[in-house]
Amino acid sequence: MQKAAAHTSASKNQLYRDRLRAAGSEEILLQLPRATIALIDDLKKRQGLRSRSQALLQLIGQGREATQQVA
C-alpha cells in the first residue's frame, strides 16, 4: 500500500513540476542560514507577499536594478 501511495505522490509532484516548467518557472531547493530566511520572511510580511519566492524575486529585481544603474 505504501508503494502505491509513494508512486501517486511522485506522479503528482512530477505533474506539478511539469506545469511549472510549462509556465516558464522551475522549483529549486535552497539551503540558507536561518538569519537569511528570517530576512526573507520579514520582507514577505512587510510587503504583504504571499510567498518567500515573491520576496526573493523582489530582492533579485532590486539587485538587478542596482547593478544596471552602476554599469
Protein backbone atom coordinates (compact mmCIF):
# COMPACT_ATOMS: atom_id res chain seq x y z
CA MET A 1 0.00 0.00 0.00
CA GLN A 2 2.83 2.43 0.79
CA LYS A 3 4.43 1.87 -2.63
CA ALA A 4 1.19 2.83 -4.35
CA ALA A 5 0.87 5.97 -2.21
CA ALA A 6 4.50 6.89 -2.86
CA HIS A 7 4.01 6.37 -6.60
CA THR A 8 0.89 8.55 -6.58
CA SER A 9 2.71 11.26 -4.64
CA ALA A 10 5.69 11.12 -7.01
CA SER A 11 3.34 11.35 -10.00
CA LYS A 12 1.60 14.39 -8.53
CA ASN A 13 4.95 16.05 -7.86
CA GLN A 14 6.07 15.38 -11.43
CA LEU A 15 2.83 16.83 -12.84
CA TYR A 16 3.29 19.91 -10.63
CA ARG A 17 6.86 20.40 -11.88
CA ASP A 18 5.70 19.91 -15.47
CA ARG A 19 3.07 22.65 -15.01
CA LEU A 20 5.69 24.99 -13.53
CA ARG A 21 8.04 24.41 -16.48
CA ALA A 22 5.22 24.95 -18.96
CA ALA A 23 4.59 28.32 -17.26
CA GLY A 24 8.30 29.23 -17.56
CA SER A 25 9.22 28.50 -13.94
CA GLU A 26 11.14 25.83 -12.09
CA GLU A 27 11.21 24.69 -8.48
CA ILE A 28 14.54 24.60 -6.64
CA LEU A 29 15.65 23.69 -3.14
CA LEU A 30 17.83 26.21 -1.30
CA GLN A 31 19.93 25.79 1.80
CA LEU A 32 20.23 29.16 3.56
CA PRO A 33 21.28 30.37 7.01
CA ARG A 34 18.38 30.95 9.40
CA ALA A 35 19.21 34.65 9.56
CA THR A 36 18.75 34.92 5.78
CA ILE A 37 15.43 33.07 5.95
CA ALA A 38 14.31 35.42 8.72
CA LEU A 39 15.20 38.39 6.48
CA ILE A 40 13.19 36.91 3.60
CA ASP A 41 10.24 36.20 5.90
CA ASP A 42 10.37 39.75 7.29
CA LEU A 43 10.34 41.21 3.77
CA LYS A 44 7.47 38.91 2.85
CA LYS A 45 5.46 40.08 5.84
CA ARG A 46 6.24 43.81 5.43
CA GLN A 47 5.42 43.79 1.72
CA GLY A 48 2.30 41.63 2.14
CA LEU A 49 3.67 38.99 -0.23
CA ARG A 50 2.18 35.50 -0.47
CA SER A 51 5.41 33.52 -0.59
CA ARG A 52 9.14 33.51 0.03
CA SER A 53 9.55 33.12 -3.73
CA GLN A 54 7.92 36.50 -4.28
CA ALA A 55 10.22 38.05 -1.68
CA LEU A 56 13.30 36.54 -3.34
CA LEU A 57 12.17 37.71 -6.77
CA GLN A 58 11.72 41.22 -5.38
CA LEU A 59 15.22 41.19 -3.87
CA ILE A 60 16.74 39.86 -7.09
CA GLY A 61 14.94 42.56 -9.08
CA GLN A 62 16.29 45.26 -6.78
CA GLY A 63 19.78 43.81 -7.16
CA ARG A 64 19.48 43.84 -10.95
CA GLU A 65 18.32 47.47 -10.91
CA ALA A 66 21.23 48.48 -8.70
CA THR A 67 23.69 46.65 -10.94
CA GLN A 68 22.30 48.26 -14.09
CA GLN A 69 22.49 51.74 -12.55
CA VAL A 70 26.15 51.26 -11.72
CA ALA A 71 27.08 49.98 -15.19
